[in-house]
């Protein structure tokens, strides 16, 4: 199976916006919930947001609630992360993953995309 592929990262100023995209193969995408994680330098990887196959259930880390929005387009096998009001502490490598929504088990990771927020 092919790993998910992230895109859309980059450098943005504080208060700016970015939209990350993650394209996954049909079986990975359609059979699983999808999630975005991030890992800042020297820190553990953390869950940012997750969405079930039908988009009926969504969850966010407290640190991004009200600023980030996860969504998915099942016709395009793509999951998105819209990030608004970005802060320097959002700087990290962002990873897409196919997951078990209940247990949190990760089935497949993407390669990651760097997001840098300048102050």
C-alpha atoms as a PDB file:
ATOM      1  CA  UNK A   1       0.000   0.000   0.000  1.00  0.00           C
ATOM      2  CA  UNK A   2       1.173   3.526  -0.787  1.00  0.00           C
ATOM      3  CA  UNK A   3       1.601   6.000   2.048  1.00  0.00           C
ATOM      4  CA  UNK A   4      -0.447   9.197   2.195  1.00  0.00           C
ATOM      5  CA  UNK A   5       1.204  12.275   0.611  1.00  0.00           C
ATOM      6  CA  UNK A   6       0.954  15.682   2.274  1.00  0.00           C
ATOM      7  CA  UNK A   7       1.281  19.073   0.596  1.00  0.00           C
ATOM      8  CA  UNK A   8       0.632  22.731   1.352  1.00  0.00           C
ATOM      9  CA  UNK A   9       3.187  23.428   4.045  1.00  0.00           C
ATOM     10  CA  UNK A  10       5.382  26.505   4.023  1.00  0.00           C
ATOM     11  CA  UNK A  11       6.372  29.706   5.772  1.00  0.00           C
ATOM     12  CA  UNK A  12       3.685  32.085   6.988  1.00  0.00           C
ATOM     13  CA  UNK A  13       3.547  35.060   9.341  1.00  0.00           C
ATOM     14  CA  UNK A  14       1.750  35.050  12.684  1.00  0.00           C
ATOM     15  CA  UNK A  15      -1.981  35.390  12.101  1.00  0.00           C
ATOM     16  CA  UNK A  16      -1.796  33.956   8.606  1.00  0.00           C
ATOM     17  CA  UNK A  17      -3.436  30.878   7.117  1.00  0.00           C
ATOM     18  CA  UNK A  18      -2.398  27.704   5.348  1.00  0.00           C
ATOM     19  CA  UNK A  19      -4.298  24.737   3.991  1.00  0.00           C
ATOM     20  CA  UNK A  20      -2.671  21.350   4.101  1.00  0.00           C
ATOM     21  CA  UNK A  21      -3.805  18.549   1.822  1.00  0.00           C
ATOM     22  CA  UNK A  22      -3.244  14.823   2.105  1.00  0.00           C
ATOM     23  CA  UNK A  23      -3.877  12.485  -0.800  1.00  0.00           C
ATOM     24  CA  UNK A  24      -4.225   8.803   0.050  1.00  0.00           C
ATOM     25  CA  UNK A  25      -4.799   5.703  -2.024  1.00  0.00           C
ATOM     26  CA  UNK A  26      -8.377   4.516  -2.328  1.00  0.00           C
ATOM     27  CA  UNK A  27      -8.258   1.589   0.092  1.00  0.00           C
ATOM     28  CA  UNK A  28      -6.339   3.472   2.784  1.00  0.00           C
ATOM     29  CA  UNK A  29      -8.596   6.476   2.553  1.00  0.00           C
ATOM     30  CA  UNK A  30     -11.980   4.820   2.214  1.00  0.00           C
ATOM     31  CA  UNK A  31     -11.513   2.193   4.929  1.00  0.00           C
ATOM     32  CA  UNK A  32     -10.185   4.443   7.643  1.00  0.00           C
ATOM     33  CA  UNK A  33     -10.561   7.552   9.668  1.00  0.00           C
ATOM     34  CA  UNK A  34      -7.884  10.116   8.865  1.00  0.00           C
ATOM     35  CA  UNK A  35      -5.925  12.407  11.124  1.00  0.00           C
ATOM     36  CA  UNK A  36      -3.357  15.161  11.206  1.00  0.00           C
ATOM     37  CA  UNK A  37      -0.502  15.006  13.696  1.00  0.00           C
ATOM     38  CA  UNK A  38       2.370  17.408  14.247  1.00  0.00           C
ATOM     39  CA  UNK A  39       5.809  17.193  15.745  1.00  0.00           C
ATOM     40  CA  UNK A  40       7.737  20.267  16.789  1.00  0.00           C
ATOM     41  CA  UNK A  41      11.503  20.134  17.155  1.00  0.00           C
ATOM     42  CA  UNK A  42      12.432  18.362  20.383  1.00  0.00           C
ATOM     43  CA  UNK A  43       8.836  17.432  21.212  1.00  0.00           C
ATOM     44  CA  UNK A  44       6.662  14.364  20.902  1.00  0.00           C
ATOM     45  CA  UNK A  45       4.318  13.916  17.996  1.00  0.00           C
ATOM     46  CA  UNK A  46       0.786  15.012  18.927  1.00  0.00           C
ATOM     47  CA  UNK A  47      -2.678  14.594  17.468  1.00  0.00           C
ATOM     48  CA  UNK A  48      -4.007  17.795  15.929  1.00  0.00           C
ATOM     49  CA  UNK A  49      -7.328  16.671  14.455  1.00  0.00           C
ATOM     50  CA  UNK A  50      -9.122  13.525  13.322  1.00  0.00           C
ATOM     51  CA  UNK A  51     -12.154  12.770  11.172  1.00  0.00           C
ATOM     52  CA  UNK A  52     -14.136   9.575  10.637  1.00  0.00           C
ATOM     53  CA  UNK A  53     -14.832   8.041   7.228  1.00  0.00           C
ATOM     54  CA  UNK A  54     -18.259   9.677   6.995  1.00  0.00           C
ATOM     55  CA  UNK A  55     -17.123  12.961   8.585  1.00  0.00           C
ATOM     56  CA  UNK A  56     -19.787  12.392  11.247  1.00  0.00           C
ATOM     57  CA  UNK A  57     -17.257  12.626  14.067  1.00  0.00           C
ATOM     58  CA  UNK A  58     -14.386  15.096  14.364  1.00  0.00           C
ATOM     59  CA  UNK A  59     -12.035  15.890  17.203  1.00  0.00           C
ATOM     60  CA  UNK A  60      -9.374  18.533  17.770  1.00  0.00           C
ATOM     61  CA  UNK A  61      -6.536  19.182  20.148  1.00  0.00           C
ATOM     62  CA  UNK A  62      -7.484  21.927  22.583  1.00  0.00           C
ATOM     63  CA  UNK A  63      -4.625  24.067  21.306  1.00  0.00           C
ATOM     64  CA  UNK A  64      -6.125  24.347  17.813  1.00  0.00           C
ATOM     65  CA  UNK A  65      -9.876  24.412  18.514  1.00  0.00           C
ATOM     66  CA  UNK A  66     -11.535  27.354  16.820  1.00  0.00           C
ATOM     67  CA  UNK A  67      -8.531  27.950  14.542  1.00  0.00           C
ATOM     68  CA  UNK A  68      -8.082  24.711  12.575  1.00  0.00           C
ATOM     69  CA  UNK A  69     -10.660  22.784  10.558  1.00  0.00           C
ATOM     70  CA  UNK A  70     -10.271  19.228   9.294  1.00  0.00           C
ATOM     71  CA  UNK A  71     -12.336  18.001   6.375  1.00  0.00           C
ATOM     72  CA  UNK A  72     -12.259  15.282   3.755  1.00  0.00           C
ATOM     73  CA  UNK A  73     -13.440  14.830   0.190  1.00  0.00           C
ATOM     74  CA  UNK A  74     -14.156  11.153  -0.377  1.00  0.00           C
ATOM     75  CA  UNK A  75     -14.503  11.694  -4.136  1.00  0.00           C
ATOM     76  CA  UNK A  76     -10.884  12.880  -4.259  1.00  0.00           C
ATOM     77  CA  UNK A  77      -9.428  10.592  -1.560  1.00  0.00           C
ATOM     78  CA  UNK A  78      -8.117  13.730   0.114  1.00  0.00           C
ATOM     79  CA  UNK A  79      -8.188  15.093   3.637  1.00  0.00           C
ATOM     80  CA  UNK A  80      -7.546  18.761   4.412  1.00  0.00           C
ATOM     81  CA  UNK A  81      -6.435  20.840   7.359  1.00  0.00           C
ATOM     82  CA  UNK A  82      -7.367  24.505   7.149  1.00  0.00           C
ATOM     83  CA  UNK A  83      -5.202  26.426   9.598  1.00  0.00           C
ATOM     84  CA  UNK A  84      -6.146  30.005  10.484  1.00  0.00           C
ATOM     85  CA  UNK A  85      -4.799  32.506  13.007  1.00  0.00           C
ATOM     86  CA  UNK A  86      -1.480  30.679  13.017  1.00  0.00           C
ATOM     87  CA  UNK A  87       0.909  31.164  15.910  1.00  0.00           C
ATOM     88  CA  UNK A  88       4.661  30.549  16.211  1.00  0.00           C
ATOM     89  CA  UNK A  89       3.883  27.573  18.460  1.00  0.00           C
ATOM     90  CA  UNK A  90       2.121  25.907  15.513  1.00  0.00           C
ATOM     91  CA  UNK A  91       5.518  25.517  13.848  1.00  0.00           C
ATOM     92  CA  UNK A  92       6.091  21.803  13.287  1.00  0.00           C
ATOM     93  CA  UNK A  93       6.227  19.022  10.762  1.00  0.00           C
ATOM     94  CA  UNK A  94       2.632  18.035  10.049  1.00  0.00           C
ATOM     95  CA  UNK A  95       1.845  14.413   9.260  1.00  0.00           C
ATOM     96  CA  UNK A  96      -1.231  12.848   7.760  1.00  0.00           C
ATOM     97  CA  UNK A  97      -2.222   9.388   8.949  1.00  0.00           C
ATOM     98  CA  UNK A  98      -4.819   6.706   8.442  1.00  0.00           C
ATOM     99  CA  UNK A  99      -6.058   5.746  11.900  1.00  0.00           C
ATOM    100  CA  UNK A 100      -8.511   3.835  14.027  1.00  0.00           C
ATOM    101  CA  UNK A 101     -10.665   6.689  15.336  1.00  0.00           C
ATOM    102  CA  UNK A 102     -11.583   4.913  18.591  1.00  0.00           C
ATOM    103  CA  UNK A 103      -8.259   3.399  19.634  1.00  0.00           C
ATOM    104  CA  UNK A 104      -6.012   5.959  17.984  1.00  0.00           C
ATOM    105  CA  UNK A 105      -3.910   3.240  16.377  1.00  0.00           C
ATOM    106  CA  UNK A 106      -2.081   4.521  13.315  1.00  0.00           C
ATOM    107  CA  UNK A 107      -2.164   2.303  10.257  1.00  0.00           C
ATOM    108  CA  UNK A 108      -0.052   4.391   7.916  1.00  0.00           C
ATOM    109  CA  UNK A 109       1.885   7.636   8.124  1.00  0.00           C
ATOM    110  CA  UNK A 110       2.567  10.209   5.466  1.00  0.00           C
ATOM    111  CA  UNK A 111       6.045  11.658   4.993  1.00  0.00           C
ATOM    112  CA  UNK A 112       5.223  15.016   6.577  1.00  0.00           C
ATOM    113  CA  UNK A 113       5.219  18.647   5.501  1.00  0.00           C
ATOM    114  CA  UNK A 114       6.929  21.527   7.290  1.00  0.00           C
ATOM    115  CA  UNK A 115       4.878  24.455   8.591  1.00  0.00           C
ATOM    116  CA  UNK A 116       6.813  27.430   9.920  1.00  0.00           C
ATOM    117  CA  UNK A 117       5.087  30.421  11.503  1.00  0.00           C
ATOM    118  CA  UNK A 118       7.281  33.479  11.900  1.00  0.00           C
ATOM    119  CA  UNK A 119       6.706  36.028  14.665  1.00  0.00           C
END
